[in-house]
C-alpha atoms as a PDB file:
ATOM      1  CA  PHE A   1       0.000   0.000   0.000  1.00  0.00           C
ATOM      2  CA  PRO A   2       1.202   3.535  -0.733  1.00  0.00           C
ATOM      3  CA  ILE A   3       2.724   5.694   1.972  1.00  0.00           C
ATOM      4  CA  ALA A   4       2.733   9.482   1.757  1.00  0.00           C
ATOM      5  CA  LYS A   5       6.137  10.890   0.781  1.00  0.00           C
ATOM      6  CA  ALA A   6       6.197  13.596   3.438  1.00  0.00           C
ATOM      7  CA  PHE A   7       5.340  11.176   6.238  1.00  0.00           C
ATOM      8  CA  LEU A   8       7.946   8.635   5.325  1.00  0.00           C
ATOM      9  CA  LEU A   9      11.227  10.420   5.124  1.00  0.00           C
ATOM     10  CA  THR A  10      10.851  13.540   7.216  1.00  0.00           C
ATOM     11  CA  ARG A  11      10.883  14.054  10.941  1.00  0.00           C
ATOM     12  CA  GLU A  12       7.684  16.023  11.441  1.00  0.00           C
ATOM     13  CA  GLU A  13       6.706  16.772  15.028  1.00  0.00           C
ATOM     14  CA  GLY A  14       9.589  14.645  16.309  1.00  0.00           C
ATOM     15  CA  GLN A  15       8.347  11.511  14.534  1.00  0.00           C
ATOM     16  CA  SER A  16      10.908   9.241  12.961  1.00  0.00           C
ATOM     17  CA  ILE A  17       9.087   5.904  13.083  1.00  0.00           C
ATOM     18  CA  ILE A  18       7.051   4.496  10.196  1.00  0.00           C
ATOM     19  CA  ARG A  19       4.196   2.243  11.360  1.00  0.00           C
ATOM     20  CA  PHE A  20       2.450  -0.312   9.151  1.00  0.00           C
ATOM     21  CA  GLY A  21      -0.967  -1.367  10.440  1.00  0.00           C
ATOM     22  CA  GLY A  22       0.319  -1.673  14.004  1.00  0.00           C
ATOM     23  CA  HIS A  23       2.264  -4.859  13.168  1.00  0.00           C
ATOM     24  CA  PHE A  24       5.551  -3.456  11.955  1.00  0.00           C
ATOM     25  CA  SER A  25       7.561  -0.282  12.353  1.00  0.00           C
ATOM     26  CA  MET A  26      10.825   0.992  10.926  1.00  0.00           C
ATOM     27  CA  ASP A  27      12.903   3.989  11.947  1.00  0.00           C
ATOM     28  CA  ILE A  28      13.619   6.319   9.023  1.00  0.00           C
ATOM     29  CA  LYS A  29      17.239   6.591  10.200  1.00  0.00           C
ATOM     30  CA  TYR A  30      17.663   3.164   8.570  1.00  0.00           C
ATOM     31  CA  ILE A  31      16.137   4.215   5.232  1.00  0.00           C
ATOM     32  CA  ASN A  32      17.485   7.691   4.533  1.00  0.00           C
ATOM     33  CA  PRO A  33      21.151   6.594   4.220  1.00  0.00           C
ATOM     34  CA  PHE A  34      20.183   4.302   1.312  1.00  0.00           C
ATOM     35  CA  ILE A  35      18.241   7.026  -0.501  1.00  0.00           C
ATOM     36  CA  GLU A  36      20.979   9.616   0.014  1.00  0.00           C
ATOM     37  CA  SER A  37      23.689   7.216  -1.161  1.00  0.00           C
ATOM     38  CA  LEU A  38      21.702   6.071  -4.189  1.00  0.00           C
ATOM     39  CA  LEU A  39      20.926   9.607  -5.397  1.00  0.00           C
ATOM     40  CA  SER A  40      24.471  10.850  -4.811  1.00  0.00           C
ATOM     41  CA  ASN A  41      26.180   7.902  -6.500  1.00  0.00           C
ATOM     42  CA  LEU A  42      23.784   7.817  -9.448  1.00  0.00           C
ATOM     43  CA  GLU A  43      24.515  11.451 -10.203  1.00  0.00           C
ATOM     44  CA  THR A  44      28.261  11.216  -9.547  1.00  0.00           C
ATOM     45  CA  MET A  45      28.917   7.945 -11.364  1.00  0.00           C
ATOM     46  CA  ALA A  46      26.427   8.138 -14.238  1.00  0.00           C
ATOM     47  CA  ALA A  47      25.358  11.811 -14.415  1.00  0.00           C
ATOM     48  CA  ILE A  48      21.733  10.714 -13.937  1.00  0.00           C
ATOM     49  CA  GLN A  49      19.442  12.788 -11.768  1.00  0.00           C
ATOM     50  CA  ALA A  50      16.523  11.049 -10.088  1.00  0.00           C
ATOM     51  CA  GLU A  51      13.441  12.150  -8.204  1.00  0.00           C
ATOM     52  CA  LYS A  52      11.832  10.026  -5.482  1.00  0.00           C
ATOM     53  CA  MET A  53       8.253   9.013  -6.219  1.00  0.00           C
ATOM     54  CA  ASP A  54       5.505   7.615  -3.941  1.00  0.00           C
ATOM     55  CA  ILE A  55       6.628   4.831  -1.655  1.00  0.00           C
ATOM     56  CA  SER A  56       4.809   1.556  -1.005  1.00  0.00           C
ATOM     57  CA  ILE A  57       5.285  -1.548   1.095  1.00  0.00           C
ATOM     58  CA  THR A  58       5.369  -5.152  -0.104  1.00  0.00           C
ATOM     59  CA  LYS A  59       6.242  -8.647   1.060  1.00  0.00           C
ATOM     60  CA  ASP A  60       7.101  -9.960  -2.407  1.00  0.00           C
ATOM     61  CA  ALA A  61       8.526  -7.610  -4.984  1.00  0.00           C
ATOM     62  CA  LYS A  62       7.586  -8.356  -8.569  1.00  0.00           C
ATOM     63  CA  THR A  63       9.440  -5.847 -10.624  1.00  0.00           C
ATOM     64  CA  SER A  64       9.012  -4.777 -14.207  1.00  0.00           C
ATOM     65  CA  SER A  65      12.772  -4.227 -14.296  1.00  0.00           C
ATOM     66  CA  ASP A  66      15.314  -6.191 -16.304  1.00  0.00           C
ATOM     67  CA  ILE A  67      18.105  -6.498 -13.735  1.00  0.00           C
ATOM     68  CA  SER A  68      18.259  -6.415  -9.935  1.00  0.00           C
ATOM     69  CA  ALA A  69      21.182  -6.406  -7.529  1.00  0.00           C
ATOM     70  CA  ILE A  70      20.487  -7.783  -4.046  1.00  0.00           C
ATOM     71  CA  ILE A  71      22.706  -7.144  -1.023  1.00  0.00           C
ATOM     72  CA  GLY A  72      22.009  -8.724   2.349  1.00  0.00           C
ATOM     73  CA  MET A  73      22.685  -7.121   5.711  1.00  0.00           C
ATOM     74  CA  SER A  74      23.361  -8.700   9.079  1.00  0.00           C
ATOM     75  CA  GLY A  75      24.353  -7.657  12.579  1.00  0.00           C
ATOM     76  CA  GLU A  76      22.260  -5.201  14.549  1.00  0.00           C
ATOM     77  CA  VAL A  77      20.338  -4.484  11.339  1.00  0.00           C
ATOM     78  CA  LYS A  78      19.064  -7.519   9.420  1.00  0.00           C
ATOM     79  CA  GLY A  79      17.535  -7.566   5.942  1.00  0.00           C
ATOM     80  CA  SER A  80      18.464  -6.596   2.420  1.00  0.00           C
ATOM     81  CA  ALA A  81      18.424  -3.889  -0.208  1.00  0.00           C
ATOM     82  CA  VAL A  82      17.477  -4.530  -3.835  1.00  0.00           C
ATOM     83  CA  ILE A  83      18.219  -2.058  -6.632  1.00  0.00           C
ATOM     84  CA  SER A  84      16.186  -2.847  -9.774  1.00  0.00           C
ATOM     85  CA  PHE A  85      16.831  -1.185 -13.136  1.00  0.00           C
ATOM     86  CA  PRO A  86      15.023  -1.375 -16.464  1.00  0.00           C
ATOM     87  CA  ARG A  87      17.296  -2.104 -19.416  1.00  0.00           C
ATOM     88  CA  GLY A  88      17.889   1.539 -20.450  1.00  0.00           C
ATOM     89  CA  ILE A  89      18.997   2.753 -17.038  1.00  0.00           C
ATOM     90  CA  ALA A  90      21.131  -0.353 -16.432  1.00  0.00           C
ATOM     91  CA  LEU A  91      22.909   0.236 -19.740  1.00  0.00           C
ATOM     92  CA  ALA A  92      23.414   3.948 -19.002  1.00  0.00           C
ATOM     93  CA  VAL A  93      24.883   3.261 -15.544  1.00  0.00           C
ATOM     94  CA  ALA A  94      27.137   0.472 -16.847  1.00  0.00           C
ATOM     95  CA  SER A  95      28.247   2.534 -19.859  1.00  0.00           C
ATOM     96  CA  ALA A  96      29.216   5.409 -17.559  1.00  0.00           C
ATOM     97  CA  MET A  97      31.080   3.082 -15.203  1.00  0.00           C
ATOM     98  CA  PHE A  98      32.986   1.375 -18.046  1.00  0.00           C
ATOM     99  CA  MET A  99      33.361   4.606 -20.043  1.00  0.00           C
ATOM    100  CA  ASP A 100      32.200   2.680 -23.102  1.00  0.00           C
ATOM    101  CA  GLU A 101      28.807   2.398 -24.791  1.00  0.00           C
ATOM    102  CA  LEU A 102      27.124  -0.858 -23.822  1.00  0.00           C
ATOM    103  CA  THR A 103      24.047  -1.853 -25.825  1.00  0.00           C
ATOM    104  CA  GLU A 104      22.952  -5.169 -24.322  1.00  0.00           C
ATOM    105  CA  ILE A 105      22.722  -6.714 -20.872  1.00  0.00           C
ATOM    106  CA  ASN A 106      25.876  -8.807 -20.694  1.00  0.00           C
ATOM    107  CA  ASP A 107      28.419  -9.756 -18.035  1.00  0.00           C
ATOM    108  CA  ASP A 108      29.798  -6.191 -17.935  1.00  0.00           C
ATOM    109  CA  VAL A 109      26.340  -4.782 -17.206  1.00  0.00           C
ATOM    110  CA  LYS A 110      25.756  -7.439 -14.529  1.00  0.00           C
ATOM    111  CA  ASP A 111      29.111  -6.577 -12.942  1.00  0.00           C
ATOM    112  CA  ALA A 112      28.319  -2.846 -13.061  1.00  0.00           C
ATOM    113  CA  ALA A 113      24.881  -3.371 -11.465  1.00  0.00           C
ATOM    114  CA  GLY A 114      26.493  -5.383  -8.684  1.00  0.00           C
ATOM    115  CA  GLU A 115      29.271  -2.865  -8.148  1.00  0.00           C
ATOM    116  CA  PHE A 116      26.825   0.058  -8.174  1.00  0.00           C
ATOM    117  CA  ALA A 117      24.644  -1.680  -5.564  1.00  0.00           C
ATOM    118  CA  ASN A 118      27.731  -2.542  -3.513  1.00  0.00           C
ATOM    119  CA  ILE A 119      28.796   1.118  -3.488  1.00  0.00           C
ATOM    120  CA  VAL A 120      25.296   2.402  -2.625  1.00  0.00           C
ATOM    121  CA  VAL A 121      24.673  -0.125   0.145  1.00  0.00           C
ATOM    122  CA  GLY A 122      28.273   0.119   1.371  1.00  0.00           C
ATOM    123  CA  ASN A 123      27.956   3.887   1.776  1.00  0.00           C
ATOM    124  CA  ALA A 124      24.605   3.470   3.555  1.00  0.00           C
ATOM    125  CA  ARG A 125      26.171   0.805   5.801  1.00  0.00           C
ATOM    126  CA  ASN A 126      28.987   3.221   6.698  1.00  0.00           C
ATOM    127  CA  LYS A 127      26.415   5.816   7.797  1.00  0.00           C
ATOM    128  CA  LEU A 128      24.667   3.195   9.946  1.00  0.00           C
ATOM    129  CA  VAL A 129      28.022   2.200  11.483  1.00  0.00           C
ATOM    130  CA  ASP A 130      28.789   5.879  12.134  1.00  0.00           C
ATOM    131  CA  ALA A 131      25.436   6.010  13.981  1.00  0.00           C
ATOM    132  CA  GLY A 132      26.702   3.250  16.277  1.00  0.00           C
ATOM    133  CA  LEU A 133      25.272   0.107  14.664  1.00  0.00           C
ATOM    134  CA  ASN A 134      27.197  -3.077  13.921  1.00  0.00           C
ATOM    135  CA  VAL A 135      26.228  -3.915  10.318  1.00  0.00           C
ATOM    136  CA  THR A 136      27.858  -6.140   7.719  1.00  0.00           C
ATOM    137  CA  ILE A 137      26.843  -6.583   4.086  1.00  0.00           C
ATOM    138  CA  SER A 138      27.033  -9.483   1.660  1.00  0.00           C
ATOM    139  CA  THR A 139      28.402  -9.539  -1.851  1.00  0.00           C
ATOM    140  CA  PRO A 140      25.782  -8.690  -4.486  1.00  0.00           C
ATOM    141  CA  THR A 141      23.539 -11.283  -6.081  1.00  0.00           C
ATOM    142  CA  ILE A 142      22.336 -10.357  -9.587  1.00  0.00           C
ATOM    143  CA  ILE A 143      18.979 -11.370 -11.070  1.00  0.00           C
ATOM    144  CA  VAL A 144      18.377 -10.814 -14.807  1.00  0.00           C
ATOM    145  CA  GLY A 145      15.106 -11.189 -16.684  1.00  0.00           C
ATOM    146  CA  ARG A 146      12.051  -9.072 -17.405  1.00  0.00           C
ATOM    147  CA  ASP A 147       9.352  -9.080 -14.691  1.00  0.00           C
ATOM    148  CA  HIS A 148      11.379 -11.181 -12.259  1.00  0.00           C
ATOM    149  CA  GLN A 149      10.106 -11.657  -8.721  1.00  0.00           C
ATOM    150  CA  ILE A 150      12.127 -11.487  -5.534  1.00  0.00           C
ATOM    151  CA  SER A 151      10.709 -13.110  -2.403  1.00  0.00           C
ATOM    152  CA  HIS A 152      11.620 -11.600   0.934  1.00  0.00           C
ATOM    153  CA  PRO A 153      11.490 -13.060   4.456  1.00  0.00           C
ATOM    154  CA  HIS A 154       7.898 -12.983   5.703  1.00  0.00           C
ATOM    155  CA  ASN A 155       8.788 -11.167   8.917  1.00  0.00           C
ATOM    156  CA  ILE A 156      10.448  -8.232   7.120  1.00  0.00           C
ATOM    157  CA  PRO A 157       8.176  -6.059   4.930  1.00  0.00           C
ATOM    158  CA  PHE A 158       9.985  -4.086   2.239  1.00  0.00           C
ATOM    159  CA  LEU A 159       9.663  -0.424   1.368  1.00  0.00           C
ATOM    160  CA  VAL A 160       9.609   0.008  -2.397  1.00  0.00           C
ATOM    161  CA  ILE A 161      10.988   3.413  -3.343  1.00  0.00           C
ATOM    162  CA  PRO A 162      10.713   4.225  -7.053  1.00  0.00           C
ATOM    163  CA  PHE A 163      12.741   6.990  -8.685  1.00  0.00           C
ATOM    164  CA  LYS A 164      11.933   8.857 -11.883  1.00  0.00           C
ATOM    165  CA  THR A 165      14.738   9.754 -14.298  1.00  0.00           C
ATOM    166  CA  SER A 166      14.899  11.042 -17.857  1.00  0.00           C
ATOM    167  CA  LEU A 167      15.567   7.420 -18.881  1.00  0.00           C
ATOM    168  CA  GLY A 168      12.616   5.899 -17.025  1.00  0.00           C
ATOM    169  CA  VAL A 169      11.787   4.620 -13.554  1.00  0.00           C
ATOM    170  CA  PHE A 170      13.874   2.354 -11.339  1.00  0.00           C
ATOM    171  CA  GLN A 171      13.501   1.339  -7.704  1.00  0.00           C
ATOM    172  CA  ILE A 172      15.237   0.385  -4.517  1.00  0.00           C
ATOM    173  CA  SER A 173      13.483  -1.982  -2.128  1.00  0.00           C
ATOM    174  CA  ILE A 174      14.674  -1.931   1.464  1.00  0.00           C
ATOM    175  CA  GLY A 175      13.698  -4.385   4.160  1.00  0.00           C
ATOM    176  CA  ILE A 176      15.349  -3.837   7.523  1.00  0.00           C
ATOM    177  CA  LYS A 177      14.667  -5.233  10.953  1.00  0.00           C
ATOM    178  CA  GLU A 178      16.597  -4.169  14.027  1.00  0.00           C
ATOM    179  CA  GLU A 179      18.153  -7.171  15.743  1.00  0.00           C
ATOM    180  CA  LYS A 180      19.245  -7.340  19.355  1.00  0.00           C
ATOM    181  CA  VAL A 181      22.794  -8.660  19.351  1.00  0.00           C
ATOM    182  CA  ALA A 182      24.020 -10.225  22.585  1.00  0.00           C
END
């Protein structure tokens, strides 16, 4: 279901917790580092500007994208982040990273998608560590194929955050649960 933009990522009236039907909540301090890192790196690495669109929540993410990079997180924050690109944006990001025009999704594009996700999630992880959390990340897993579906753990709902660019729409899905570490 959709969540209002202003409610989700701003701290109005001292609120920083997102609540979903009373069953699940997530502190925005866990989400904003991913959005900030994604926007900054997309512009720096590929000269692509993006604008955040309406956010929704899902348990299973069926995407209309062509390629997704998944990075798991563990420690005091458990879950994963998934960056999903349609073909055109994936090719633009990979072409910028390789400084060569790529015209089809091949191993170079897969590598670039994984490296881009690793940089975005790694930067977000560093901000979480700077905030005092013990967080580790996995190496990226790449999924290729139109309309692929990614299943997430049932106890961790995912925020789906789409971004609009001049090349189309892509998304990051973030599912995070705070874990008590002994």
